[in-house]
């Protein structure tokens, strides 16, 4: 699972690195797609959006039909799913920024500082969960 997730994030990072540099006009460029058809670059750039949505339903169906335990999420799995979706939206903000934007300040906050805060919150949650799993902290009854 970790390898798949890391591979997806690696692919996303490469996607961001290139796509963020495209102009609106360049998105109109005709490019070949699967099967040799021509389409706009815009359609190719949109593809990860609808493919991710479509295959979220598809993989859920596979799990459900095959009776996989993952078809019925536990509460912690449901929380992780929501955290991943929220983090994806949060990261999307950073995909459209330049490095110079990271230190823009308003209300004594910067995008760099907020990202660091979110990272620390995730690490804190992981540390607390690890403590409970290791028996270092007793769960509240």
N, C-alpha and C. Protein backbone atom coordinates (compact mmCIF):
# COMPACT_ATOMS: atom_id res chain seq x y z
N UNK A 1 0.84 -1.20 0.00
CA UNK A 1 0.00 0.00 0.00
C UNK A 1 0.88 1.25 0.00
N UNK A 2 1.89 1.28 0.88
CA UNK A 2 2.75 2.46 0.94
C UNK A 2 3.41 2.73 -0.41
N UNK A 3 3.86 1.68 -1.09
CA UNK A 3 4.50 1.85 -2.39
C UNK A 3 3.56 2.45 -3.41
N UNK A 4 2.31 2.00 -3.40
CA UNK A 4 1.31 2.54 -4.34
C UNK A 4 1.04 4.01 -4.03
N UNK A 5 0.81 4.32 -2.77
CA UNK A 5 0.51 5.70 -2.39
C UNK A 5 1.71 6.60 -2.70
N UNK A 6 2.91 6.15 -2.35
CA UNK A 6 4.10 6.96 -2.65
C UNK A 6 4.28 7.15 -4.15
N UNK A 7 4.00 6.11 -4.93
CA UNK A 7 4.10 6.23 -6.38
C UNK A 7 3.10 7.23 -6.94
N UNK A 8 1.89 7.24 -6.38
CA UNK A 8 0.89 8.21 -6.82
C UNK A 8 1.33 9.63 -6.48
N UNK A 9 1.85 9.84 -5.27
CA UNK A 9 2.31 11.18 -4.90
C UNK A 9 3.51 11.60 -5.76
N UNK A 10 4.39 10.66 -6.06
CA UNK A 10 5.54 10.97 -6.93
C UNK A 10 5.05 11.39 -8.30
N UNK A 11 4.09 10.65 -8.85
CA UNK A 11 3.53 11.00 -10.16
C UNK A 11 2.85 12.37 -10.08
N UNK A 12 2.12 12.63 -9.01
CA UNK A 12 1.46 13.93 -8.85
C UNK A 12 2.49 15.06 -8.81
N UNK A 13 3.56 14.85 -8.07
CA UNK A 13 4.59 15.89 -7.97
C UNK A 13 5.20 16.21 -9.33
N UNK A 14 5.46 15.19 -10.13
CA UNK A 14 5.97 15.42 -11.48
C UNK A 14 4.95 16.13 -12.35
N UNK A 15 3.70 15.75 -12.20
CA UNK A 15 2.58 16.37 -12.93
C UNK A 15 2.51 17.86 -12.59
N UNK A 16 2.59 18.19 -11.31
CA UNK A 16 2.55 19.59 -10.88
C UNK A 16 3.74 20.36 -11.44
N UNK A 17 4.90 19.75 -11.38
CA UNK A 17 6.13 20.42 -11.82
C UNK A 17 6.01 20.91 -13.27
N UNK A 18 5.38 20.12 -14.12
CA UNK A 18 5.27 20.47 -15.53
C UNK A 18 4.00 21.27 -15.82
N UNK A 19 2.86 20.80 -15.34
CA UNK A 19 1.57 21.40 -15.70
C UNK A 19 1.45 22.82 -15.17
N UNK A 20 2.02 23.11 -14.04
CA UNK A 20 1.92 24.46 -13.47
C UNK A 20 2.54 25.52 -14.37
N UNK A 21 3.41 25.13 -15.27
CA UNK A 21 4.08 26.09 -16.15
C UNK A 21 3.30 26.37 -17.43
N UNK A 22 2.20 25.67 -17.68
CA UNK A 22 1.42 25.84 -18.91
C UNK A 22 0.59 27.11 -18.88
N UNK A 23 0.51 27.76 -20.02
CA UNK A 23 -0.38 28.93 -20.15
C UNK A 23 -1.76 28.44 -20.59
N UNK A 24 -2.75 29.29 -20.48
CA UNK A 24 -4.09 28.95 -20.95
C UNK A 24 -4.07 28.66 -22.44
N UNK A 25 -3.29 29.41 -23.19
CA UNK A 25 -3.19 29.20 -24.63
C UNK A 25 -2.57 27.84 -24.95
N UNK A 26 -1.54 27.46 -24.22
CA UNK A 26 -0.89 26.17 -24.46
C UNK A 26 -1.85 25.01 -24.21
N UNK A 27 -2.82 25.20 -23.33
CA UNK A 27 -3.78 24.14 -23.06
C UNK A 27 -4.66 23.82 -24.28
N UNK A 28 -4.72 24.75 -25.24
CA UNK A 28 -5.49 24.53 -26.47
C UNK A 28 -4.72 23.72 -27.51
N UNK A 29 -3.45 23.43 -27.28
CA UNK A 29 -2.62 22.70 -28.23
C UNK A 29 -3.19 21.30 -28.47
N UNK A 30 -3.22 20.89 -29.73
CA UNK A 30 -3.69 19.54 -30.08
C UNK A 30 -2.55 18.54 -29.82
N UNK A 31 -2.86 17.48 -29.11
CA UNK A 31 -1.89 16.43 -28.79
C UNK A 31 -2.53 15.06 -29.05
N UNK A 32 -1.71 14.04 -29.35
CA UNK A 32 -2.29 12.71 -29.54
C UNK A 32 -2.67 12.11 -28.20
N UNK A 33 -3.73 11.35 -28.19
CA UNK A 33 -4.16 10.65 -26.99
C UNK A 33 -4.17 9.16 -27.28
N UNK A 34 -4.67 8.37 -26.38
CA UNK A 34 -4.71 6.93 -26.56
C UNK A 34 -5.46 6.59 -27.85
N UNK A 35 -4.94 5.66 -28.59
CA UNK A 35 -5.59 5.25 -29.83
C UNK A 35 -5.27 6.17 -30.99
N UNK A 36 -4.39 7.14 -30.79
CA UNK A 36 -3.98 8.02 -31.87
C UNK A 36 -4.90 9.19 -32.15
N UNK A 37 -6.04 9.28 -31.44
CA UNK A 37 -6.93 10.42 -31.63
C UNK A 37 -6.23 11.69 -31.18
N UNK A 38 -6.67 12.81 -31.73
CA UNK A 38 -6.14 14.10 -31.30
C UNK A 38 -7.13 14.74 -30.34
N UNK A 39 -6.60 15.43 -29.37
CA UNK A 39 -7.43 16.16 -28.41
C UNK A 39 -6.62 17.35 -27.93
N UNK A 40 -7.24 18.23 -27.17
CA UNK A 40 -6.48 19.36 -26.61
C UNK A 40 -5.65 18.87 -25.44
N UNK A 41 -4.56 19.56 -25.22
CA UNK A 41 -3.74 19.28 -24.06
C UNK A 41 -4.58 19.42 -22.79
N UNK A 42 -5.53 20.35 -22.80
CA UNK A 42 -6.43 20.55 -21.66
C UNK A 42 -7.10 19.23 -21.26
N UNK A 43 -7.60 18.49 -22.25
CA UNK A 43 -8.25 17.21 -21.94
C UNK A 43 -7.28 16.23 -21.30
N UNK A 44 -6.05 16.20 -21.77
CA UNK A 44 -5.05 15.32 -21.18
C UNK A 44 -4.71 15.73 -19.75
N UNK A 45 -4.66 17.05 -19.53
CA UNK A 45 -4.34 17.54 -18.19
C UNK A 45 -5.50 17.29 -17.22
N UNK A 46 -6.73 17.31 -17.74
CA UNK A 46 -7.90 17.00 -16.91
C UNK A 46 -8.01 15.51 -16.59
N UNK A 47 -7.41 14.68 -17.37
CA UNK A 47 -7.58 13.23 -17.24
C UNK A 47 -7.34 12.70 -15.82
N UNK A 48 -6.28 13.13 -15.13
CA UNK A 48 -6.10 12.62 -13.76
C UNK A 48 -7.25 12.98 -12.82
N UNK A 49 -7.97 14.07 -13.11
CA UNK A 49 -9.10 14.46 -12.27
C UNK A 49 -10.21 13.42 -12.39
N UNK A 50 -10.67 13.20 -13.61
CA UNK A 50 -11.81 12.28 -13.75
C UNK A 50 -11.41 10.82 -13.58
N UNK A 51 -10.17 10.48 -13.94
CA UNK A 51 -9.73 9.10 -13.74
C UNK A 51 -9.68 8.75 -12.25
N UNK A 52 -9.18 9.69 -11.44
CA UNK A 52 -9.14 9.45 -9.99
C UNK A 52 -10.54 9.29 -9.41
N UNK A 53 -11.47 10.15 -9.86
CA UNK A 53 -12.85 10.05 -9.37
C UNK A 53 -13.51 8.76 -9.83
N UNK A 54 -13.39 8.46 -11.12
CA UNK A 54 -14.00 7.26 -11.67
C UNK A 54 -13.48 6.00 -10.98
N UNK A 55 -12.18 5.94 -10.82
CA UNK A 55 -11.61 4.71 -10.28
C UNK A 55 -11.71 4.61 -8.77
N UNK A 56 -12.04 5.70 -8.09
CA UNK A 56 -12.38 5.61 -6.67
C UNK A 56 -13.63 4.75 -6.52
N UNK A 57 -14.62 5.01 -7.35
CA UNK A 57 -15.85 4.21 -7.34
C UNK A 57 -15.54 2.78 -7.79
N UNK A 58 -14.71 2.63 -8.81
CA UNK A 58 -14.38 1.33 -9.35
C UNK A 58 -13.70 0.43 -8.31
N UNK A 59 -12.68 0.96 -7.63
CA UNK A 59 -11.97 0.16 -6.62
C UNK A 59 -12.89 -0.15 -5.44
N UNK A 60 -13.73 0.80 -5.04
CA UNK A 60 -14.69 0.53 -3.97
C UNK A 60 -15.61 -0.62 -4.36
N UNK A 61 -16.04 -0.65 -5.62
CA UNK A 61 -16.89 -1.75 -6.10
C UNK A 61 -16.14 -3.07 -6.05
N UNK A 62 -14.89 -3.09 -6.46
CA UNK A 62 -14.09 -4.32 -6.41
C UNK A 62 -14.03 -4.84 -4.98
N UNK A 63 -13.76 -3.95 -4.04
CA UNK A 63 -13.68 -4.37 -2.63
C UNK A 63 -15.02 -4.90 -2.14
N UNK A 64 -16.10 -4.21 -2.50
CA UNK A 64 -17.42 -4.62 -2.05
C UNK A 64 -17.81 -5.97 -2.64
N UNK A 65 -17.64 -6.15 -3.94
CA UNK A 65 -18.06 -7.38 -4.62
C UNK A 65 -17.26 -8.58 -4.15
N UNK A 66 -15.98 -8.36 -3.84
CA UNK A 66 -15.13 -9.48 -3.42
C UNK A 66 -15.16 -9.71 -1.92
N UNK A 67 -15.94 -8.92 -1.19
CA UNK A 67 -16.07 -9.11 0.25
C UNK A 67 -14.82 -8.73 1.03
N UNK A 68 -14.02 -7.82 0.50
CA UNK A 68 -12.79 -7.40 1.19
C UNK A 68 -13.13 -6.65 2.47
N UNK A 69 -12.36 -6.87 3.54
CA UNK A 69 -12.61 -6.13 4.78
C UNK A 69 -12.58 -4.62 4.57
N UNK A 70 -11.76 -4.15 3.63
CA UNK A 70 -11.66 -2.71 3.37
C UNK A 70 -12.89 -2.10 2.76
N UNK A 71 -13.87 -2.96 2.35
CA UNK A 71 -15.11 -2.44 1.77
C UNK A 71 -15.94 -1.70 2.82
N UNK A 72 -15.81 -2.09 4.06
CA UNK A 72 -16.49 -1.43 5.17
C UNK A 72 -15.43 -0.76 6.04
N UNK A 73 -15.27 0.52 5.87
CA UNK A 73 -14.22 1.23 6.59
C UNK A 73 -14.50 1.28 8.08
N UNK A 74 -13.43 1.10 8.87
CA UNK A 74 -13.53 1.36 10.30
C UNK A 74 -13.57 2.87 10.49
N UNK A 75 -13.85 3.32 11.69
CA UNK A 75 -13.88 4.76 11.93
C UNK A 75 -12.53 5.38 11.62
N UNK A 76 -11.44 4.73 12.05
CA UNK A 76 -10.11 5.31 11.80
C UNK A 76 -9.81 5.34 10.31
N UNK A 77 -10.24 4.33 9.55
CA UNK A 77 -10.04 4.35 8.10
C UNK A 77 -10.86 5.45 7.44
N UNK A 78 -12.07 5.67 7.93
CA UNK A 78 -12.91 6.75 7.39
C UNK A 78 -12.28 8.11 7.67
N UNK A 79 -11.70 8.27 8.86
CA UNK A 79 -11.02 9.52 9.20
C UNK A 79 -9.82 9.72 8.27
N UNK A 80 -9.05 8.66 8.03
CA UNK A 80 -7.90 8.76 7.12
C UNK A 80 -8.33 9.14 5.71
N UNK A 81 -9.44 8.60 5.28
CA UNK A 81 -9.96 8.93 3.95
C UNK A 81 -10.29 10.41 3.86
N UNK A 82 -10.95 10.93 4.87
CA UNK A 82 -11.30 12.35 4.89
C UNK A 82 -10.04 13.21 5.01
N UNK A 83 -9.08 12.77 5.81
CA UNK A 83 -7.82 13.52 5.94
C UNK A 83 -7.08 13.57 4.61
N UNK A 84 -7.08 12.47 3.88
CA UNK A 84 -6.41 12.44 2.57
C UNK A 84 -7.10 13.39 1.60
N UNK A 85 -8.42 13.40 1.60
CA UNK A 85 -9.17 14.30 0.70
C UNK A 85 -8.89 15.76 1.07
N UNK A 86 -8.91 16.06 2.36
CA UNK A 86 -8.65 17.43 2.81
C UNK A 86 -7.21 17.84 2.50
N UNK A 87 -6.27 16.94 2.72
CA UNK A 87 -4.87 17.24 2.43
C UNK A 87 -4.68 17.47 0.94
N UNK A 88 -5.36 16.69 0.12
CA UNK A 88 -5.27 16.90 -1.32
C UNK A 88 -5.72 18.30 -1.71
N UNK A 89 -6.82 18.76 -1.14
CA UNK A 89 -7.30 20.12 -1.43
C UNK A 89 -6.30 21.17 -0.92
N UNK A 90 -5.74 20.90 0.25
CA UNK A 90 -4.76 21.82 0.84
C UNK A 90 -3.52 21.89 -0.04
N UNK A 91 -3.00 20.75 -0.44
CA UNK A 91 -1.81 20.70 -1.29
C UNK A 91 -2.09 21.39 -2.63
N UNK A 92 -3.31 21.27 -3.12
CA UNK A 92 -3.66 21.91 -4.39
C UNK A 92 -3.43 23.42 -4.35
N UNK A 93 -3.64 24.03 -3.19
CA UNK A 93 -3.36 25.47 -3.07
C UNK A 93 -1.89 25.75 -3.35
N UNK A 94 -1.03 24.88 -2.86
CA UNK A 94 0.41 25.08 -3.01
C UNK A 94 0.87 24.80 -4.44
N UNK A 95 0.13 23.99 -5.16
CA UNK A 95 0.49 23.68 -6.54
C UNK A 95 0.40 24.90 -7.44
N UNK A 96 -0.39 25.88 -7.05
CA UNK A 96 -0.54 27.07 -7.89
C UNK A 96 0.25 28.27 -7.35
N UNK A 97 1.08 28.06 -6.36
CA UNK A 97 1.91 29.13 -5.79
C UNK A 97 3.31 29.08 -6.38
N UNK A 98 3.99 30.20 -6.24
CA UNK A 98 5.42 30.23 -6.54
C UNK A 98 6.15 30.24 -5.19
N UNK A 99 7.43 30.00 -5.22
CA UNK A 99 8.20 30.02 -3.98
C UNK A 99 8.10 31.37 -3.27
N UNK A 100 7.97 32.44 -4.06
CA UNK A 100 7.87 33.78 -3.47
C UNK A 100 6.58 33.95 -2.67
N UNK A 101 5.55 33.18 -3.01
CA UNK A 101 4.27 33.29 -2.29
C UNK A 101 4.33 32.69 -0.88
N UNK A 102 5.28 31.82 -0.65
CA UNK A 102 5.32 31.08 0.62
C UNK A 102 5.48 31.98 1.84
N UNK A 103 6.08 33.13 1.66
CA UNK A 103 6.33 34.01 2.81
C UNK A 103 5.45 35.25 2.83
N UNK A 104 4.39 35.26 2.02
CA UNK A 104 3.42 36.35 2.11
C UNK A 104 2.75 36.27 3.48
N UNK A 105 2.59 37.40 4.11
CA UNK A 105 2.10 37.40 5.49
C UNK A 105 0.79 38.17 5.61
N UNK A 106 -0.13 37.58 6.36
CA UNK A 106 -1.38 38.24 6.69
C UNK A 106 -1.82 37.67 8.04
N UNK A 107 -2.25 38.54 8.93
CA UNK A 107 -2.66 38.13 10.27
C UNK A 107 -1.58 37.28 10.95
N UNK A 108 -0.34 37.68 10.72
CA UNK A 108 0.82 37.03 11.33
C UNK A 108 0.97 35.56 10.92
N UNK A 109 0.47 35.23 9.73
CA UNK A 109 0.57 33.87 9.20
C UNK A 109 1.13 33.92 7.79
N UNK A 110 1.85 32.88 7.41
CA UNK A 110 2.35 32.74 6.04
C UNK A 110 1.95 31.36 5.52
N UNK A 111 1.84 31.20 4.20
CA UNK A 111 1.57 29.86 3.66
C UNK A 111 2.61 28.83 4.11
N UNK A 112 3.87 29.24 4.20
CA UNK A 112 4.92 28.33 4.67
C UNK A 112 4.65 27.89 6.11
N UNK A 113 4.31 28.85 6.96
CA UNK A 113 4.05 28.54 8.36
C UNK A 113 2.81 27.68 8.55
N UNK A 114 1.78 27.95 7.76
CA UNK A 114 0.55 27.15 7.86
C UNK A 114 0.82 25.72 7.41
N UNK A 115 1.59 25.55 6.33
CA UNK A 115 1.93 24.19 5.87
C UNK A 115 2.71 23.44 6.95
N UNK A 116 3.63 24.13 7.58
CA UNK A 116 4.40 23.50 8.66
C UNK A 116 3.48 23.11 9.81
N UNK A 117 2.53 23.97 10.14
CA UNK A 117 1.56 23.67 11.20
C UNK A 117 0.76 22.40 10.86
N UNK A 118 0.25 22.32 9.63
CA UNK A 118 -0.54 21.15 9.22
C UNK A 118 0.32 19.89 9.28
N UNK A 119 1.58 19.99 8.84
CA UNK A 119 2.49 18.84 8.92
C UNK A 119 2.69 18.40 10.37
N UNK A 120 2.90 19.35 11.26
CA UNK A 120 3.11 19.01 12.68
C UNK A 120 1.85 18.39 13.29
N UNK A 121 0.67 18.89 12.90
CA UNK A 121 -0.59 18.32 13.41
C UNK A 121 -0.70 16.86 13.00
N UNK A 122 -0.36 16.54 11.74
CA UNK A 122 -0.40 15.14 11.29
C UNK A 122 0.60 14.30 12.08
N UNK A 123 1.80 14.82 12.26
CA UNK A 123 2.81 14.08 13.02
C UNK A 123 2.37 13.87 14.46
N UNK A 124 1.73 14.88 15.05
CA UNK A 124 1.24 14.77 16.42
C UNK A 124 0.17 13.67 16.52
N UNK A 125 -0.77 13.66 15.57
CA UNK A 125 -1.80 12.61 15.57
C UNK A 125 -1.18 11.22 15.44
N UNK A 126 -0.19 11.10 14.55
CA UNK A 126 0.49 9.81 14.38
C UNK A 126 1.21 9.41 15.65
N UNK A 127 1.89 10.35 16.29
CA UNK A 127 2.62 10.05 17.52
C UNK A 127 1.67 9.60 18.63
N UNK A 128 0.54 10.30 18.78
CA UNK A 128 -0.44 9.92 19.80
C UNK A 128 -1.00 8.53 19.53
N UNK A 129 -1.31 8.24 18.27
CA UNK A 129 -1.83 6.91 17.91
C UNK A 129 -0.78 5.84 18.15
N UNK A 130 0.47 6.14 17.81
CA UNK A 130 1.56 5.18 18.02
C UNK A 130 1.73 4.89 19.51
N UNK A 131 1.61 5.92 20.35
CA UNK A 131 1.71 5.73 21.80
C UNK A 131 0.62 4.78 22.31
N UNK A 132 -0.61 4.97 21.83
CA UNK A 132 -1.70 4.09 22.25
C UNK A 132 -1.45 2.66 21.77
N UNK A 133 -1.04 2.51 20.52
CA UNK A 133 -0.78 1.17 19.98
C UNK A 133 0.35 0.46 20.72
N UNK A 134 1.32 1.22 21.20
CA UNK A 134 2.46 0.64 21.92
C UNK A 134 2.18 0.48 23.41
N UNK A 135 0.96 0.89 23.84
CA UNK A 135 0.62 0.76 25.26
C UNK A 135 1.23 1.82 26.14
N UNK A 136 1.77 2.89 25.56
CA UNK A 136 2.38 3.95 26.36
C UNK A 136 1.35 4.93 26.91
N UNK A 137 0.14 4.89 26.38
CA UNK A 137 -0.94 5.75 26.84
C UNK A 137 -2.21 4.90 26.85
N UNK A 138 -2.89 4.93 27.95
CA UNK A 138 -4.12 4.15 28.03
C UNK A 138 -5.25 4.93 27.37
N UNK A 139 -6.02 4.28 26.47
CA UNK A 139 -7.17 4.97 25.88
C UNK A 139 -8.19 5.33 26.95
N UNK A 140 -8.88 6.44 26.76
CA UNK A 140 -9.93 6.87 27.69
C UNK A 140 -11.15 5.97 27.52
N UNK A 141 -11.67 5.44 28.66
CA UNK A 141 -12.85 4.54 28.55
C UNK A 141 -14.09 5.28 28.12
